Amino acid sequence: MRKLTTILVLLLFAGLQVAFAQRTVTGRVTKTTDNSALPGVTVLVKGTTTGTATDADGKFSITIPNNQAVLILSFIGFTQKEVAVGAQVTLAVTLDEATQVMQEVVVTALGISRESKSLGYAVATVDSKTLQENKALNVAQSLDGRVAGLNINVPTSGAGSSVAINLRGSGSPLLVINGLPMGTAGGGNSGIGRDAG
């Protein structure tokens, strides 16, 4: 009977230690650049499934198992950060914006993005540096000889008129500049008078 009582007391003591080891930690997450609050940041106790998210003011509250707990903070567009809690009760965490170099992406029909090497047709890219090498009166003339299947006809009606652009037989290809579709004046000038560009 005495052994059973001793074991029960030890188990009760161990249970109390576990209960007291768990505690709640609060904190606030901000941007490093301007200290503005970051809502929706995921806060997760490392090695567990315990987690929460910051509110509209960037504040969070989470229960940690012990003082050795490490919090993982992650948010889209920001670098993931690990913070050792220790004996702290309140945390102030700043996240750095993530700078990633994106590879070439081609937007196909209906806004579906794919890498150019995965497409079943030819894709040509001309960057601004290449266009600046060939000084011309307008951008369309700078494309001459830079894209396979592209024919550029220089205007005969003088400066300021449209350039006739034919891409693989299409008389009026769609040009998109900085995300805005641009008209091509019906395929360019017809050689009769000035067409106002």
N, C-alpha and C. Protein backbone atom coordinates (compact mmCIF):
# COMPACT_ATOMS: atom_id res chain seq x y z
N MET A 1 0.82 -1.20 0.00
CA MET A 1 0.00 0.00 0.00
C MET A 1 0.86 1.26 0.00
N ARG A 2 1.96 1.18 0.77
CA ARG A 2 2.85 2.34 0.85
C ARG A 2 3.52 2.62 -0.49
N LYS A 3 3.90 1.53 -1.22
CA LYS A 3 4.51 1.69 -2.55
C LYS A 3 3.52 2.35 -3.50
N LEU A 4 2.29 1.94 -3.47
CA LEU A 4 1.26 2.50 -4.35
C LEU A 4 1.06 3.98 -4.07
N THR A 5 1.05 4.36 -2.82
CA THR A 5 0.89 5.76 -2.45
C THR A 5 2.07 6.59 -2.95
N THR A 6 3.27 6.05 -2.80
CA THR A 6 4.47 6.75 -3.27
C THR A 6 4.43 6.95 -4.78
N ILE A 7 4.03 5.91 -5.51
CA ILE A 7 3.95 6.01 -6.98
C ILE A 7 2.90 7.04 -7.37
N LEU A 8 1.76 7.06 -6.72
CA LEU A 8 0.71 8.03 -7.04
C LEU A 8 1.16 9.47 -6.77
N VAL A 9 1.90 9.67 -5.69
CA VAL A 9 2.41 11.02 -5.37
C VAL A 9 3.42 11.46 -6.42
N LEU A 10 4.30 10.54 -6.82
CA LEU A 10 5.29 10.87 -7.86
C LEU A 10 4.61 11.20 -9.19
N LEU A 11 3.60 10.43 -9.58
CA LEU A 11 2.87 10.71 -10.82
C LEU A 11 2.15 12.04 -10.74
N LEU A 12 1.57 12.36 -9.61
CA LEU A 12 0.89 13.64 -9.43
C LEU A 12 1.89 14.78 -9.53
N PHE A 13 3.06 14.61 -8.92
CA PHE A 13 4.10 15.64 -8.97
C PHE A 13 4.59 15.85 -10.41
N ALA A 14 4.80 14.73 -11.14
CA ALA A 14 5.24 14.83 -12.55
C ALA A 14 4.17 15.52 -13.39
N GLY A 15 2.90 15.19 -13.14
CA GLY A 15 1.81 15.83 -13.88
C GLY A 15 1.73 17.32 -13.61
N LEU A 16 1.96 17.72 -12.35
CA LEU A 16 1.96 19.14 -12.01
C LEU A 16 3.12 19.88 -12.69
N GLN A 17 4.28 19.21 -12.79
CA GLN A 17 5.41 19.84 -13.47
C GLN A 17 5.10 20.09 -14.94
N VAL A 18 4.48 19.12 -15.59
CA VAL A 18 4.10 19.27 -17.00
C VAL A 18 3.09 20.39 -17.15
N ALA A 19 2.12 20.44 -16.24
CA ALA A 19 1.08 21.47 -16.32
C ALA A 19 1.67 22.86 -16.13
N PHE A 20 2.62 22.97 -15.17
CA PHE A 20 3.22 24.28 -14.92
C PHE A 20 4.24 24.65 -16.00
N ALA A 21 4.81 23.66 -16.67
CA ALA A 21 5.77 23.95 -17.74
C ALA A 21 5.07 24.60 -18.92
N GLN A 22 3.85 24.19 -19.21
CA GLN A 22 3.10 24.80 -20.30
C GLN A 22 2.68 26.21 -19.89
N ARG A 23 2.89 27.14 -20.80
CA ARG A 23 2.48 28.51 -20.51
C ARG A 23 2.13 29.22 -21.79
N THR A 24 1.47 30.34 -21.66
CA THR A 24 1.04 31.11 -22.82
C THR A 24 2.01 32.25 -23.08
N VAL A 25 2.39 32.39 -24.36
CA VAL A 25 3.29 33.46 -24.78
C VAL A 25 2.52 34.36 -25.75
N THR A 26 2.64 35.65 -25.57
CA THR A 26 2.01 36.60 -26.50
C THR A 26 3.10 37.34 -27.25
N GLY A 27 2.74 37.95 -28.37
CA GLY A 27 3.73 38.70 -29.14
C GLY A 27 3.10 39.51 -30.25
N ARG A 28 3.94 40.24 -30.96
CA ARG A 28 3.49 41.07 -32.08
C ARG A 28 4.52 40.93 -33.20
N VAL A 29 4.02 40.79 -34.43
CA VAL A 29 4.89 40.63 -35.60
C VAL A 29 4.76 41.86 -36.48
N THR A 30 5.91 42.44 -36.87
CA THR A 30 5.92 43.64 -37.71
C THR A 30 6.90 43.47 -38.86
N LYS A 31 6.81 44.37 -39.84
CA LYS A 31 7.78 44.41 -40.94
C LYS A 31 9.06 45.07 -40.44
N THR A 32 10.19 44.61 -40.95
CA THR A 32 11.47 45.20 -40.57
C THR A 32 11.60 46.61 -41.14
N THR A 33 11.06 46.84 -42.34
CA THR A 33 11.26 48.11 -43.04
C THR A 33 10.57 49.28 -42.36
N ASP A 34 9.28 49.14 -41.99
CA ASP A 34 8.55 50.29 -41.46
C ASP A 34 7.82 50.00 -40.14
N ASN A 35 8.06 48.84 -39.53
CA ASN A 35 7.43 48.46 -38.26
C ASN A 35 5.91 48.43 -38.31
N SER A 36 5.33 48.24 -39.49
CA SER A 36 3.88 48.11 -39.58
C SER A 36 3.48 46.66 -39.26
N ALA A 37 2.28 46.49 -38.72
CA ALA A 37 1.79 45.18 -38.30
C ALA A 37 1.60 44.25 -39.48
N LEU A 38 1.85 42.95 -39.25
CA LEU A 38 1.65 41.93 -40.29
C LEU A 38 0.53 40.99 -39.85
N PRO A 39 -0.68 41.16 -40.39
CA PRO A 39 -1.77 40.23 -40.06
C PRO A 39 -1.66 38.94 -40.86
N GLY A 40 -2.09 37.82 -40.28
CA GLY A 40 -2.12 36.54 -40.99
C GLY A 40 -0.81 35.78 -41.00
N VAL A 41 0.16 36.18 -40.18
CA VAL A 41 1.43 35.44 -40.09
C VAL A 41 1.19 34.13 -39.34
N THR A 42 1.69 33.02 -39.88
CA THR A 42 1.55 31.72 -39.23
C THR A 42 2.62 31.58 -38.15
N VAL A 43 2.18 31.27 -36.92
CA VAL A 43 3.09 31.06 -35.79
C VAL A 43 2.92 29.61 -35.35
N LEU A 44 4.00 28.83 -35.43
CA LEU A 44 3.94 27.39 -35.16
C LEU A 44 5.03 27.01 -34.16
N VAL A 45 4.68 26.17 -33.17
CA VAL A 45 5.68 25.65 -32.24
C VAL A 45 6.44 24.54 -32.96
N LYS A 46 7.76 24.69 -33.09
CA LYS A 46 8.58 23.76 -33.86
C LYS A 46 8.47 22.34 -33.31
N GLY A 47 8.27 21.39 -34.22
CA GLY A 47 8.18 19.98 -33.83
C GLY A 47 6.81 19.56 -33.35
N THR A 48 5.83 20.47 -33.38
CA THR A 48 4.47 20.13 -32.95
C THR A 48 3.48 20.61 -34.01
N THR A 49 2.21 20.33 -33.76
CA THR A 49 1.16 20.83 -34.65
C THR A 49 0.44 22.03 -34.03
N THR A 50 0.96 22.53 -32.91
CA THR A 50 0.36 23.68 -32.25
C THR A 50 0.71 24.96 -33.00
N GLY A 51 -0.30 25.69 -33.37
CA GLY A 51 -0.03 26.92 -34.10
C GLY A 51 -1.18 27.90 -34.02
N THR A 52 -0.92 29.09 -34.51
CA THR A 52 -1.92 30.15 -34.55
C THR A 52 -1.54 31.13 -35.65
N ALA A 53 -2.33 32.19 -35.79
CA ALA A 53 -2.02 33.23 -36.77
C ALA A 53 -2.20 34.60 -36.11
N THR A 54 -1.48 35.58 -36.61
CA THR A 54 -1.58 36.93 -36.04
C THR A 54 -2.89 37.58 -36.46
N ASP A 55 -3.40 38.47 -35.60
CA ASP A 55 -4.64 39.19 -35.90
C ASP A 55 -4.36 40.43 -36.74
N ALA A 56 -5.34 41.30 -36.88
CA ALA A 56 -5.21 42.50 -37.73
C ALA A 56 -4.13 43.45 -37.23
N ASP A 57 -3.81 43.39 -35.93
CA ASP A 57 -2.77 44.26 -35.36
C ASP A 57 -1.41 43.56 -35.31
N GLY A 58 -1.32 42.35 -35.88
CA GLY A 58 -0.07 41.60 -35.87
C GLY A 58 0.20 40.88 -34.56
N LYS A 59 -0.80 40.81 -33.67
CA LYS A 59 -0.61 40.19 -32.35
C LYS A 59 -1.01 38.71 -32.37
N PHE A 60 -0.37 37.93 -31.51
CA PHE A 60 -0.69 36.50 -31.39
C PHE A 60 -0.55 36.05 -29.94
N SER A 61 -1.17 34.92 -29.65
CA SER A 61 -1.06 34.28 -28.33
C SER A 61 -1.01 32.77 -28.57
N ILE A 62 -0.02 32.11 -27.97
CA ILE A 62 0.16 30.68 -28.22
C ILE A 62 0.66 29.99 -26.95
N THR A 63 0.24 28.74 -26.75
CA THR A 63 0.68 27.95 -25.60
C THR A 63 1.90 27.14 -26.00
N ILE A 64 2.97 27.26 -25.20
CA ILE A 64 4.21 26.52 -25.49
C ILE A 64 4.40 25.44 -24.42
N PRO A 65 5.04 24.31 -24.77
CA PRO A 65 5.19 23.21 -23.81
C PRO A 65 6.23 23.47 -22.73
N ASN A 66 7.32 24.22 -23.06
CA ASN A 66 8.38 24.47 -22.08
C ASN A 66 9.24 25.64 -22.54
N ASN A 67 10.25 25.98 -21.76
CA ASN A 67 11.12 27.11 -22.09
C ASN A 67 12.07 26.83 -23.26
N GLN A 68 12.18 25.58 -23.65
CA GLN A 68 13.05 25.24 -24.79
C GLN A 68 12.31 25.36 -26.12
N ALA A 69 11.06 25.76 -26.09
CA ALA A 69 10.25 25.83 -27.32
C ALA A 69 10.81 26.87 -28.29
N VAL A 70 10.67 26.56 -29.58
CA VAL A 70 11.09 27.47 -30.64
C VAL A 70 9.87 27.74 -31.51
N LEU A 71 9.60 29.02 -31.79
CA LEU A 71 8.48 29.40 -32.65
C LEU A 71 8.97 29.62 -34.07
N ILE A 72 8.21 29.10 -35.04
CA ILE A 72 8.51 29.32 -36.46
C ILE A 72 7.46 30.28 -36.99
N LEU A 73 7.90 31.43 -37.51
CA LEU A 73 6.98 32.44 -38.06
C LEU A 73 7.18 32.50 -39.56
N SER A 74 6.08 32.36 -40.32
CA SER A 74 6.18 32.39 -41.78
C SER A 74 5.01 33.17 -42.37
N PHE A 75 5.29 33.84 -43.48
CA PHE A 75 4.28 34.65 -44.18
C PHE A 75 4.70 34.78 -45.63
N ILE A 76 3.75 34.77 -46.55
CA ILE A 76 4.04 34.85 -47.98
C ILE A 76 4.73 36.17 -48.28
N GLY A 77 5.86 36.09 -49.00
CA GLY A 77 6.61 37.28 -49.37
C GLY A 77 7.63 37.72 -48.34
N PHE A 78 7.73 36.95 -47.23
CA PHE A 78 8.68 37.29 -46.16
C PHE A 78 9.52 36.06 -45.84
N THR A 79 10.74 36.31 -45.34
CA THR A 79 11.64 35.22 -44.97
C THR A 79 11.18 34.57 -43.67
N GLN A 80 11.13 33.24 -43.66
CA GLN A 80 10.73 32.50 -42.46
C GLN A 80 11.74 32.73 -41.34
N LYS A 81 11.23 32.83 -40.10
CA LYS A 81 12.10 33.13 -38.97
C LYS A 81 11.81 32.18 -37.81
N GLU A 82 12.87 31.74 -37.12
CA GLU A 82 12.73 30.90 -35.93
C GLU A 82 13.15 31.72 -34.71
N VAL A 83 12.32 31.68 -33.67
CA VAL A 83 12.58 32.46 -32.45
C VAL A 83 12.55 31.52 -31.25
N ALA A 84 13.66 31.48 -30.49
CA ALA A 84 13.70 30.70 -29.24
C ALA A 84 13.00 31.51 -28.16
N VAL A 85 12.02 30.90 -27.50
CA VAL A 85 11.21 31.61 -26.52
C VAL A 85 11.96 31.83 -25.22
N GLY A 86 12.58 30.78 -24.65
CA GLY A 86 13.27 30.90 -23.36
C GLY A 86 12.29 31.24 -22.26
N ALA A 87 12.66 32.19 -21.41
CA ALA A 87 11.81 32.58 -20.28
C ALA A 87 10.92 33.78 -20.62
N GLN A 88 10.95 34.24 -21.87
CA GLN A 88 10.18 35.43 -22.26
C GLN A 88 8.68 35.15 -22.22
N VAL A 89 7.92 36.17 -21.87
CA VAL A 89 6.46 36.07 -21.85
C VAL A 89 5.86 36.82 -23.03
N THR A 90 6.52 37.92 -23.43
CA THR A 90 6.06 38.73 -24.55
C THR A 90 7.19 38.83 -25.58
N LEU A 91 6.86 38.62 -26.85
CA LEU A 91 7.84 38.66 -27.92
C LEU A 91 7.53 39.80 -28.90
N ALA A 92 8.58 40.42 -29.41
CA ALA A 92 8.45 41.40 -30.49
C ALA A 92 9.30 40.88 -31.64
N VAL A 93 8.64 40.47 -32.73
CA VAL A 93 9.34 39.83 -33.85
C VAL A 93 9.18 40.67 -35.10
N THR A 94 10.28 40.83 -35.84
CA THR A 94 10.22 41.54 -37.13
C THR A 94 10.58 40.55 -38.24
N LEU A 95 9.87 40.64 -39.37
CA LEU A 95 10.13 39.77 -40.52
C LEU A 95 10.68 40.59 -41.68
N ASP A 96 11.68 40.03 -42.36
CA ASP A 96 12.29 40.69 -43.53
C ASP A 96 11.56 40.26 -44.79
N GLU A 97 11.40 41.21 -45.70
CA GLU A 97 10.79 40.89 -46.99
C GLU A 97 11.73 39.99 -47.77
N ALA A 98 11.17 38.96 -48.40
CA ALA A 98 11.98 38.02 -49.18
C ALA A 98 12.19 38.56 -50.58
N THR A 99 13.43 38.55 -51.03
CA THR A 99 13.73 38.97 -52.39
C THR A 99 14.18 37.73 -53.15
N GLN A 100 13.37 37.34 -54.13
CA GLN A 100 13.67 36.15 -54.91
C GLN A 100 13.77 36.54 -56.38
N VAL A 101 14.73 35.94 -57.07
CA VAL A 101 14.89 36.17 -58.50
C VAL A 101 14.00 35.16 -59.22
N MET A 102 13.02 35.67 -59.96
CA MET A 102 12.11 34.78 -60.68
C MET A 102 12.69 34.40 -62.02
N GLN A 103 12.41 33.18 -62.44
CA GLN A 103 12.81 32.75 -63.76
C GLN A 103 11.80 33.26 -64.78
N GLU A 104 12.14 33.11 -66.03
CA GLU A 104 11.27 33.59 -67.09
C GLU A 104 9.93 32.86 -67.06
N VAL A 105 8.84 33.61 -67.09
CA VAL A 105 7.49 33.05 -67.09
C VAL A 105 6.75 33.59 -68.30
N VAL A 106 6.06 32.73 -69.01
CA VAL A 106 5.28 33.14 -70.16
C VAL A 106 3.81 32.97 -69.83
N VAL A 107 3.01 34.02 -70.05
CA VAL A 107 1.57 33.95 -69.81
C VAL A 107 0.91 33.54 -71.11
N THR A 108 0.22 32.40 -71.10
CA THR A 108 -0.45 31.89 -72.29
C THR A 108 -1.92 32.24 -72.23
N ALA A 109 -2.74 31.60 -73.04
CA ALA A 109 -4.17 31.89 -73.10
C ALA A 109 -4.83 31.75 -71.73
N LEU A 110 -5.78 32.60 -71.46
CA LEU A 110 -6.56 32.61 -70.23
C LEU A 110 -5.72 32.83 -68.98
N GLY A 111 -4.55 33.46 -69.13
CA GLY A 111 -3.74 33.82 -67.98
C GLY A 111 -3.02 32.67 -67.32
N ILE A 112 -2.88 31.53 -67.99
CA ILE A 112 -2.18 30.38 -67.43
C ILE A 112 -0.68 30.61 -67.58
N SER A 113 0.06 30.61 -66.47
CA SER A 113 1.51 30.87 -66.51
C SER A 113 2.28 29.55 -66.60
N ARG A 114 3.25 29.51 -67.51
CA ARG A 114 4.10 28.34 -67.65
C ARG A 114 5.51 28.80 -67.99
N GLU A 115 6.49 27.94 -67.71
CA GLU A 115 7.85 28.23 -68.11
C GLU A 115 7.93 28.06 -69.62
N SER A 116 8.77 28.91 -70.25
CA SER A 116 8.84 28.89 -71.72
C SER A 116 9.30 27.55 -72.27
N LYS A 117 10.15 26.81 -71.53
CA LYS A 117 10.65 25.52 -72.05
C LYS A 117 9.57 24.44 -72.04
N SER A 118 8.46 24.63 -71.31
CA SER A 118 7.41 23.62 -71.25
C SER A 118 6.33 23.85 -72.31
N LEU A 119 6.44 24.92 -73.10
CA LEU A 119 5.44 25.20 -74.13
C LEU A 119 5.72 24.40 -75.39
N GLY A 120 4.67 24.10 -76.13
CA GLY A 120 4.81 23.33 -77.36
C GLY A 120 5.03 24.20 -78.59
N TYR A 121 5.26 25.47 -78.41
CA TYR A 121 5.49 26.37 -79.53
C TYR A 121 6.62 27.32 -79.20
N ALA A 122 7.13 28.02 -80.22
CA ALA A 122 8.28 28.89 -80.04
C ALA A 122 7.90 30.16 -79.28
N VAL A 123 8.79 30.57 -78.40
CA VAL A 123 8.61 31.79 -77.63
C VAL A 123 9.87 32.62 -77.78
N ALA A 124 9.72 33.89 -78.12
CA ALA A 124 10.86 34.79 -78.24
C ALA A 124 10.75 35.89 -77.20
N THR A 125 11.87 36.21 -76.57
CA THR A 125 11.91 37.27 -75.58
C THR A 125 12.94 38.30 -76.01
N VAL A 126 12.53 39.56 -75.98
CA VAL A 126 13.44 40.65 -76.31
C VAL A 126 13.42 41.61 -75.12
N ASP A 127 14.55 41.79 -74.46
CA ASP A 127 14.59 42.68 -73.30
C ASP A 127 14.96 44.10 -73.71
N SER A 128 14.81 45.02 -72.79
CA SER A 128 15.03 46.44 -73.08
C SER A 128 16.48 46.73 -73.45
N LYS A 129 17.43 45.97 -72.88
CA LYS A 129 18.84 46.19 -73.19
C LYS A 129 19.12 45.91 -74.67
N THR A 130 18.51 44.84 -75.18
CA THR A 130 18.68 44.50 -76.59
C THR A 130 18.07 45.58 -77.49
N LEU A 131 16.91 46.10 -77.09
CA LEU A 131 16.25 47.14 -77.89
C LEU A 131 17.08 48.42 -77.93
N GLN A 132 17.80 48.72 -76.86
CA GLN A 132 18.58 49.95 -76.80
C GLN A 132 19.85 49.86 -77.63
N GLU A 133 20.30 48.65 -77.94
CA GLU A 133 21.50 48.49 -78.78
C GLU A 133 21.24 48.98 -80.19
N ASN A 134 20.05 48.75 -80.68
CA ASN A 134 19.68 49.14 -82.04
C ASN A 134 18.82 50.40 -81.96
N LYS A 135 19.43 51.56 -82.05
CA LYS A 135 18.70 52.82 -81.94
C LYS A 135 17.83 53.00 -83.18
N ALA A 136 16.52 53.13 -82.97
CA ALA A 136 15.58 53.33 -84.07
C ALA A 136 14.58 54.41 -83.67
N LEU A 137 13.73 54.80 -84.66
CA LEU A 137 12.76 55.85 -84.39
C LEU A 137 11.69 55.41 -83.40
N ASN A 138 11.33 54.13 -83.41
CA ASN A 138 10.34 53.62 -82.46
C ASN A 138 10.69 52.18 -82.08
N VAL A 139 9.96 51.67 -81.11
CA VAL A 139 10.23 50.34 -80.57
C VAL A 139 10.03 49.26 -81.62
N ALA A 140 8.99 49.40 -82.44
CA ALA A 140 8.71 48.38 -83.46
C ALA A 140 9.88 48.22 -84.42
N GLN A 141 10.50 49.33 -84.81
CA GLN A 141 11.65 49.23 -85.71
C GLN A 141 12.85 48.60 -85.01
N SER A 142 12.95 48.76 -83.70
CA SER A 142 14.04 48.14 -82.95
C SER A 142 13.90 46.62 -82.89
N LEU A 143 12.68 46.10 -83.08
CA LEU A 143 12.45 44.65 -83.07
C LEU A 143 12.89 43.98 -84.36
N ASP A 144 13.17 44.76 -85.39
CA ASP A 144 13.53 44.21 -86.70
C ASP A 144 14.77 43.33 -86.58
N GLY A 145 14.65 42.06 -86.99
CA GLY A 145 15.76 41.12 -86.96
C GLY A 145 16.01 40.49 -85.61
N ARG A 146 15.16 40.77 -84.63
CA ARG A 146 15.36 40.23 -83.28
C ARG A 146 14.47 39.03 -82.98
N VAL A 147 13.37 38.85 -83.73
CA VAL A 147 12.41 37.78 -83.47
C VAL A 147 12.20 36.98 -84.76
N ALA A 148 12.27 35.65 -84.66
CA ALA A 148 12.07 34.79 -85.83
C ALA A 148 10.63 34.91 -86.33
N GLY A 149 10.47 35.08 -87.63
CA GLY A 149 9.14 35.15 -88.23
C GLY A 149 8.49 36.52 -88.15
N LEU A 150 9.21 37.53 -87.66
CA LEU A 150 8.65 38.87 -87.52
C LEU A 150 9.16 39.75 -88.65
N ASN A 151 8.21 40.31 -89.42
CA ASN A 151 8.56 41.22 -90.51
C ASN A 151 8.13 42.63 -90.15
N ILE A 152 9.06 43.57 -90.19
CA ILE A 152 8.81 44.97 -89.89
C ILE A 152 8.95 45.76 -91.18
N ASN A 153 7.90 46.47 -91.57
CA ASN A 153 7.94 47.32 -92.75
C ASN A 153 7.99 48.77 -92.32
N VAL A 154 9.07 49.44 -92.67
CA VAL A 154 9.28 50.84 -92.28
C VAL A 154 8.26 51.71 -92.98
N PRO A 155 7.68 52.69 -92.28
CA PRO A 155 6.66 53.54 -92.89
C PRO A 155 7.20 54.41 -94.02
N THR A 156 6.36 54.63 -95.02
CA THR A 156 6.74 55.50 -96.14
C THR A 156 6.10 56.86 -96.02
N SER A 157 5.24 57.02 -95.02
CA SER A 157 4.51 58.29 -94.91
C SER A 157 5.19 59.27 -93.96
N GLY A 158 6.42 59.00 -93.55
CA GLY A 158 7.16 59.95 -92.74
C GLY A 158 7.20 59.59 -91.27
N ALA A 159 7.93 60.42 -90.52
CA ALA A 159 8.10 60.17 -89.09
C ALA A 159 6.77 60.28 -88.36
N GLY A 160 6.56 59.43 -87.38
CA GLY A 160 5.34 59.47 -86.59
C GLY A 160 4.25 58.55 -87.06
N SER A 161 4.39 57.94 -88.23
CA SER A 161 3.36 57.03 -88.72
C SER A 161 3.66 55.61 -88.25
N SER A 162 2.67 54.73 -88.38
CA SER A 162 2.79 53.36 -87.87
C SER A 162 3.73 52.51 -88.70
N VAL A 163 4.26 51.50 -88.04
CA VAL A 163 5.09 50.51 -88.70
C VAL A 163 4.23 49.28 -88.94
N ALA A 164 4.28 48.71 -90.14
CA ALA A 164 3.51 47.50 -90.42
C ALA A 164 4.23 46.31 -89.79
N ILE A 165 3.50 45.56 -88.96
CA ILE A 165 4.08 44.43 -88.24
C ILE A 165 3.36 43.16 -88.67
N ASN A 166 4.10 42.20 -89.19
CA ASN A 166 3.55 40.89 -89.56
C ASN A 166 4.33 39.82 -88.81
N LEU A 167 3.60 39.02 -88.03
CA LEU A 167 4.22 37.95 -87.27
C LEU A 167 3.71 36.62 -87.78
N ARG A 168 4.56 35.89 -88.49
CA ARG A 168 4.22 34.59 -89.07
C ARG A 168 2.91 34.64 -89.84
N GLY A 169 2.73 35.66 -90.64
CA GLY A 169 1.55 35.77 -91.50
C GLY A 169 0.40 36.53 -90.91
N SER A 170 0.41 36.81 -89.59
CA SER A 170 -0.68 37.55 -88.97
C SER A 170 -0.47 39.04 -89.20
N GLY A 171 -1.48 39.68 -89.80
CA GLY A 171 -1.36 41.10 -90.15
C GLY A 171 -1.45 42.04 -88.98
N SER A 172 -2.13 41.65 -87.89
CA SER A 172 -2.28 42.53 -86.72
C SER A 172 -2.00 41.75 -85.44
N PRO A 173 -0.72 41.52 -85.13
CA PRO A 173 -0.42 40.78 -83.90
C PRO A 173 -0.76 41.64 -82.68
N LEU A 174 -1.07 40.98 -81.59
CA LEU A 174 -1.36 41.67 -80.34
C LEU A 174 -0.05 41.98 -79.63
N LEU A 175 0.19 43.25 -79.36
CA LEU A 175 1.38 43.66 -78.62
C LEU A 175 0.96 44.00 -77.20
N VAL A 176 1.68 43.47 -76.23
CA VAL A 176 1.40 43.77 -74.82
C VAL A 176 2.65 44.43 -74.24
N ILE A 177 2.50 45.67 -73.79
CA ILE A 177 3.62 46.43 -73.24
C ILE A 177 3.28 46.77 -71.80
N ASN A 178 4.12 46.29 -70.86
CA ASN A 178 3.89 46.49 -69.43
C ASN A 178 2.50 46.05 -69.01
N GLY A 179 2.01 44.95 -69.59
CA GLY A 179 0.72 44.39 -69.21
C GLY A 179 -0.48 45.03 -69.89
N LEU A 180 -0.24 46.03 -70.76
CA LEU A 180 -1.34 46.70 -71.45
C LEU A 180 -1.34 46.33 -72.92
N PRO A 181 -2.50 45.85 -73.45
CA PRO A 181 -2.55 45.53 -74.88
C PRO A 181 -2.54 46.82 -75.71
N MET A 182 -1.73 46.82 -76.76
CA MET A 182 -1.62 47.98 -77.64
C MET A 182 -2.11 47.61 -79.04
N GLY A 183 -2.85 48.50 -79.64
CA GLY A 183 -3.30 48.29 -81.01
C GLY A 183 -2.16 48.52 -81.98
N THR A 184 -2.27 47.94 -83.17
CA THR A 184 -1.20 48.10 -84.17
C THR A 184 -1.69 48.86 -85.38
N ALA A 185 -2.74 49.64 -85.23
CA ALA A 185 -3.26 50.48 -86.31
C ALA A 185 -3.58 49.68 -87.54
N GLY A 186 -4.21 48.50 -87.34
CA GLY A 186 -4.63 47.68 -88.47
C GLY A 186 -3.49 47.12 -89.27
N GLY A 187 -2.37 46.86 -88.64
CA GLY A 187 -1.23 46.27 -89.34
C GLY A 187 -0.28 47.32 -89.85
N GLY A 188 -0.45 48.55 -89.49
CA GLY A 188 0.52 49.57 -89.89
C GLY A 188 0.02 50.40 -91.05
N ASN A 189 0.92 51.22 -91.59
CA ASN A 189 0.49 52.12 -92.66
C ASN A 189 0.38 51.40 -93.98
N SER A 190 -0.42 51.93 -94.79
CA SER A 190 -0.65 51.31 -96.10
C SER A 190 0.14 52.04 -97.18
N GLY A 191 0.93 53.01 -96.80
CA GLY A 191 1.70 53.75 -97.79
C GLY A 191 0.94 54.91 -98.39
N ILE A 192 -0.28 55.15 -97.90
CA ILE A 192 -1.08 56.24 -98.44
C ILE A 192 -1.23 57.30 -97.35
N GLY A 193 -0.48 58.37 -97.45
CA GLY A 193 -0.61 59.48 -96.51
C GLY A 193 -0.11 59.14 -95.11
N ARG A 194 -0.31 60.05 -94.18
CA ARG A 194 0.11 59.86 -92.78
C ARG A 194 -1.02 59.21 -92.00
N ASP A 195 -0.72 58.20 -91.19
CA ASP A 195 -1.77 57.52 -90.45
C ASP A 195 -1.76 57.84 -88.96
N ALA A 196 -1.02 58.85 -88.53
CA ALA A 196 -0.99 59.35 -87.16
C ALA A 196 -0.46 58.33 -86.16
N GLY A 197 0.33 57.37 -86.61
CA GLY A 197 0.96 56.43 -85.67
C GLY A 197 -0.02 55.50 -85.08
